Amino acid sequence: MSEQLVNINFSDQQFFDYSSFLGDHVFAVVSKSGADTANFETTIKEQSESIPMLQIGNYYQKLAYPGQIHSDSVISTNTGGFIKNCDGIVTSSQKIAIRIKVADCVPVFLYDPENQVNGLIHSGWRGTVKRITSKGISKFIELGSKVCNIKVVLGPSIKMRNYIVQEDVASNFSDHNKMQISEGWKIDLTGEIIDELTDIGIHHHHILSSDICSFESDECHSYRRDGEKAGRMYAFMGCA
């Protein structure tokens, strides 16, 4: 089977770029809705198949990507490839880049600049209430990271003002991260994740939360807004 090559060109201004907040030797980007993402969709769906490669300029990395099943499972890998039955990946290898897809859910970027451990998590409401981000940070600790060194970016996602659910979902959220309205409840995904992060000791100044609402922004794809025809934004992270 031929090796698949995924190419990223940061110079085309088609990405939300959070790299500078996290550190000097890392890239953390989310594709905008106008980006040409045809090359980003991997065709490899089994771990036994060859591992796709990510190209950034003249630099190549193996690509790791989760099955995204709305779980709370985070896997550590130094080999890359497709990883079933998880929604987050952590790696200590500078030869591995991570990719997830979102369209309202929160892309959570994690980075320890001291040990150059990085992670990327897909956190929808199910993953959020199951504290998937904490489980990702636990993987960092297993790899030698200290909580006080970890930096976090919460990328573009649907905001509370546009995220309406029913009580069966809202009942899982903290009182200050939900609000009852006539149509049901509004919930705050990023607020719940930030509470989780500070509870486990992540410093406020180590957390960056995008104020972009995927439902409202023309630069974002949104499943809540566009339904089945919605596209996906691709988040990539790795050491540069």
Protein backbone atom coordinates (compact mmCIF):
# COMPACT_ATOMS: atom_id res chain seq x y z
CA MET A 1 0.00 0.00 0.00
CA SER A 2 1.40 3.44 -0.93
CA GLU A 3 2.13 5.91 1.84
CA GLN A 4 -0.33 8.79 2.20
CA LEU A 5 1.14 12.30 2.51
CA VAL A 6 -0.77 15.11 4.27
CA ASN A 7 0.71 18.54 3.49
CA ILE A 8 0.21 21.72 5.56
CA ASN A 9 1.19 25.19 4.37
CA PHE A 10 0.96 27.63 7.28
CA SER A 11 1.59 30.59 4.98
CA ASP A 12 -1.84 30.47 3.32
CA GLN A 13 -3.65 32.10 6.29
CA GLN A 14 -6.25 29.34 6.33
CA PHE A 15 -5.61 28.31 9.93
CA PHE A 16 -6.32 29.55 13.42
CA ASP A 17 -2.80 29.39 14.84
CA TYR A 18 -2.19 28.97 18.59
CA SER A 19 1.42 27.86 18.37
CA SER A 20 3.00 30.98 19.90
CA PHE A 21 0.99 30.68 23.12
CA LEU A 22 2.16 27.14 23.72
CA GLY A 23 5.86 27.50 23.00
CA ASP A 24 8.71 27.93 20.55
CA HIS A 25 8.99 24.33 19.38
CA VAL A 26 5.39 23.33 18.74
CA PHE A 27 2.65 23.92 16.18
CA ALA A 28 -1.05 23.98 17.09
CA VAL A 29 -3.51 24.95 14.37
CA VAL A 30 -7.17 24.55 13.37
CA SER A 31 -8.19 24.82 9.72
CA LYS A 32 -10.71 27.51 8.81
CA SER A 33 -13.81 26.74 6.75
CA GLY A 34 -12.21 28.17 3.62
CA ALA A 35 -9.15 25.96 3.82
CA ASP A 36 -8.51 23.33 1.19
CA THR A 37 -8.85 20.24 3.40
CA ALA A 38 -9.14 17.60 0.67
CA ASN A 39 -5.59 16.54 1.46
CA PHE A 40 -6.22 16.37 5.22
CA GLU A 41 -8.65 13.44 5.23
CA THR A 42 -6.73 10.25 5.81
CA THR A 43 -7.84 7.14 3.96
CA ILE A 44 -6.19 4.72 6.37
CA LYS A 45 -8.66 3.29 8.87
CA GLU A 46 -6.90 0.28 10.33
CA GLN A 47 -3.89 0.13 12.62
CA SER A 48 -2.39 -2.64 10.49
CA GLU A 49 -2.14 -0.34 7.46
CA SER A 50 0.76 1.99 6.69
CA ILE A 51 1.03 5.21 8.67
CA PRO A 52 0.32 8.50 6.84
CA MET A 53 2.95 11.23 6.94
CA LEU A 54 2.47 14.93 7.67
CA GLN A 55 4.63 17.36 5.69
CA ILE A 56 5.27 20.92 6.87
CA GLY A 57 7.73 22.52 4.51
CA ASN A 58 10.71 20.17 4.40
CA TYR A 59 9.84 18.53 7.72
CA TYR A 60 8.03 15.18 7.91
CA GLN A 61 6.25 13.52 10.84
CA LYS A 62 4.16 10.40 11.25
CA LEU A 63 0.49 11.23 11.73
CA ALA A 64 -1.58 9.86 14.64
CA TYR A 65 -5.34 10.27 14.70
CA PRO A 66 -8.14 8.89 16.91
CA GLY A 67 -11.38 7.19 15.91
CA GLN A 68 -13.39 9.91 17.72
CA ILE A 69 -16.28 7.99 19.25
CA HIS A 70 -17.29 10.64 21.84
CA SER A 71 -15.52 8.72 24.60
CA ASP A 72 -13.27 9.71 27.50
CA SER A 73 -10.39 7.55 26.26
CA VAL A 74 -6.94 9.05 25.68
CA ILE A 75 -4.07 6.94 24.32
CA SER A 76 -0.31 7.52 24.45
CA THR A 77 1.62 6.58 21.32
CA ASN A 78 5.07 6.96 19.85
CA THR A 79 4.25 5.08 16.66
CA GLY A 80 1.38 7.02 15.07
CA GLY A 81 -1.36 5.78 12.76
CA PHE A 82 -5.08 5.31 13.27
CA ILE A 83 -6.07 4.56 16.87
CA LYS A 84 -9.54 3.11 17.37
CA ASN A 85 -11.85 3.70 20.31
CA CYS A 86 -10.38 6.93 21.64
CA ASP A 87 -10.86 10.69 21.38
CA GLY A 88 -7.45 11.93 22.43
CA ILE A 89 -3.80 11.19 21.76
CA VAL A 90 -0.68 12.11 23.73
CA THR A 91 2.89 11.65 22.54
CA SER A 92 6.41 12.37 23.73
CA SER A 93 7.86 11.77 20.27
CA GLN A 94 8.97 14.71 18.15
CA LYS A 95 8.42 12.46 15.13
CA ILE A 96 4.65 12.22 15.71
CA ALA A 97 1.98 14.79 14.81
CA ILE A 98 -1.65 14.46 15.93
CA ARG A 99 -4.83 15.26 14.00
CA ILE A 100 -8.48 15.48 15.06
CA LYS A 101 -11.66 16.78 13.40
CA VAL A 102 -14.22 19.14 14.96
CA ALA A 103 -17.40 21.00 14.04
CA ASP A 104 -18.63 22.55 17.35
CA CYS A 105 -16.81 20.23 19.76
CA VAL A 106 -13.75 21.62 21.54
CA PRO A 107 -10.27 20.89 20.20
CA VAL A 108 -8.09 20.78 23.32
CA PHE A 109 -4.36 21.30 22.75
CA LEU A 110 -2.02 20.25 25.60
CA TYR A 111 1.71 20.96 25.75
CA ASP A 112 4.53 20.62 28.26
CA PRO A 113 7.40 22.80 26.99
CA GLU A 114 9.80 21.37 29.58
CA ASN A 115 9.52 17.78 28.32
CA GLN A 116 8.07 18.48 24.85
CA VAL A 117 5.09 16.24 25.46
CA ASN A 118 2.01 17.20 23.47
CA GLY A 119 -1.55 16.04 23.19
CA LEU A 120 -4.72 16.77 21.23
CA ILE A 121 -8.21 15.92 22.45
CA HIS A 122 -11.68 15.98 20.89
CA SER A 123 -14.06 17.06 23.66
CA GLY A 124 -17.80 17.12 22.94
CA TRP A 125 -20.34 17.25 25.74
CA ARG A 126 -19.94 13.54 26.51
CA GLY A 127 -16.16 13.74 26.74
CA THR A 128 -16.38 16.96 28.72
CA VAL A 129 -18.65 15.58 31.45
CA LYS A 130 -16.45 12.47 31.63
CA ARG A 131 -13.42 14.76 32.15
CA ILE A 132 -11.49 13.56 29.13
CA THR A 133 -9.04 16.46 29.43
CA SER A 134 -8.03 15.33 32.92
CA LYS A 135 -7.43 11.86 31.54
CA GLY A 136 -5.15 13.39 28.91
CA ILE A 137 -3.20 15.25 31.57
CA SER A 138 -2.83 12.00 33.50
CA LYS A 139 -1.02 10.63 30.44
CA PHE A 140 1.34 13.62 30.60
CA ILE A 141 2.10 12.86 34.24
CA GLU A 142 2.86 9.23 33.33
CA LEU A 143 5.40 10.60 30.82
CA GLY A 144 7.10 12.71 33.49
CA SER A 145 5.32 16.04 33.14
CA LYS A 146 4.41 18.27 36.06
CA VAL A 147 0.93 19.81 36.06
CA CYS A 148 2.39 23.27 36.72
CA ASN A 149 4.25 23.16 33.37
CA ILE A 150 1.33 22.15 31.15
CA LYS A 151 -0.20 24.73 28.83
CA VAL A 152 -3.66 24.37 27.31
CA VAL A 153 -5.49 25.90 24.36
CA LEU A 154 -9.22 25.46 23.81
CA GLY A 155 -9.81 26.13 20.12
CA PRO A 156 -12.94 27.44 18.36
CA SER A 157 -16.13 25.67 19.46
CA ILE A 158 -19.81 26.31 20.00
CA LYS A 159 -20.42 28.79 22.81
CA MET A 160 -23.03 28.71 25.54
CA ARG A 161 -25.24 31.34 23.89
CA ASN A 162 -25.85 28.97 20.95
CA TYR A 163 -25.63 25.52 22.54
CA ILE A 164 -29.17 24.44 23.48
CA VAL A 165 -29.74 20.97 24.93
CA GLN A 166 -32.33 19.21 27.03
CA GLU A 167 -32.24 18.45 30.75
CA ASP A 168 -30.76 14.95 30.33
CA VAL A 169 -27.57 16.59 29.01
CA ALA A 170 -27.65 19.78 31.10
CA SER A 171 -27.97 17.79 34.34
CA ASN A 172 -24.35 16.70 33.91
CA PHE A 173 -23.02 20.28 33.97
CA SER A 174 -22.18 22.55 36.89
CA ASP A 175 -24.87 25.05 37.84
CA HIS A 176 -22.78 28.04 36.75
CA ASN A 177 -22.11 26.43 33.34
CA LYS A 178 -25.76 26.04 32.37
CA MET A 179 -28.83 28.22 32.09
CA GLN A 180 -32.46 27.20 31.70
CA ILE A 181 -34.45 28.80 28.89
CA SER A 182 -37.88 28.17 27.36
CA GLU A 183 -36.46 25.76 24.74
CA GLY A 184 -34.41 23.75 27.23
CA TRP A 185 -30.96 24.56 28.59
CA LYS A 186 -27.84 26.37 27.42
CA ILE A 187 -24.53 24.77 28.42
CA ASP A 188 -20.96 26.04 28.48
CA LEU A 189 -18.50 23.43 27.21
CA THR A 190 -15.39 25.57 27.54
CA GLY A 191 -16.43 26.83 30.97
CA GLU A 192 -16.75 23.26 32.20
CA ILE A 193 -13.33 22.33 30.80
CA ILE A 194 -11.67 25.40 32.33
CA ASP A 195 -13.15 24.50 35.73
CA GLU A 196 -11.76 21.00 35.31
CA LEU A 197 -8.32 22.34 34.43
CA THR A 198 -8.09 24.71 37.37
CA ASP A 199 -9.38 22.00 39.72
CA ILE A 200 -6.38 19.82 38.87
CA GLY A 201 -3.89 22.64 39.20
CA ILE A 202 -3.40 24.16 35.74
CA HIS A 203 -2.54 27.85 36.14
CA HIS A 204 -5.02 30.35 34.69
CA HIS A 205 -2.23 32.04 32.74
CA HIS A 206 -1.45 28.67 31.13
CA ILE A 207 -4.96 28.43 29.64
CA LEU A 208 -6.03 30.13 26.41
CA SER A 209 -9.67 29.77 25.42
CA SER A 210 -10.72 30.98 21.98
CA ASP A 211 -13.65 33.39 22.00
CA ILE A 212 -14.68 32.28 18.50
CA CYS A 213 -18.06 30.56 18.37
CA SER A 214 -18.15 27.92 15.65
CA PHE A 215 -21.93 28.32 15.31
CA GLU A 216 -21.64 32.04 14.57
CA SER A 217 -18.37 32.35 12.65
CA ASP A 218 -18.29 32.00 8.87
CA GLU A 219 -14.69 30.83 9.28
CA CYS A 220 -15.84 27.72 11.16
CA HIS A 221 -17.77 24.59 10.33
CA SER A 222 -20.71 23.87 12.64
CA TYR A 223 -22.81 20.73 12.86
CA ARG A 224 -25.43 22.53 14.96
CA ARG A 225 -25.77 25.22 12.30
CA ASP A 226 -25.45 23.19 9.11
CA GLY A 227 -26.53 19.69 10.09
CA GLU A 228 -25.46 16.72 8.00
CA LYS A 229 -23.98 18.94 5.29
CA ALA A 230 -21.52 20.49 7.76
CA GLY A 231 -17.85 20.22 6.94
CA ARG A 232 -15.12 19.62 9.49
CA MET A 233 -12.25 21.68 10.82
CA TYR A 234 -8.95 19.83 11.16
CA ALA A 235 -6.77 20.44 14.19
CA PHE A 236 -3.08 19.51 14.01
CA MET A 237 -0.45 19.50 16.72
CA GLY A 238 3.16 18.45 16.95
CA CYS A 239 6.70 19.54 17.76
CA ALA A 240 8.24 21.87 15.22
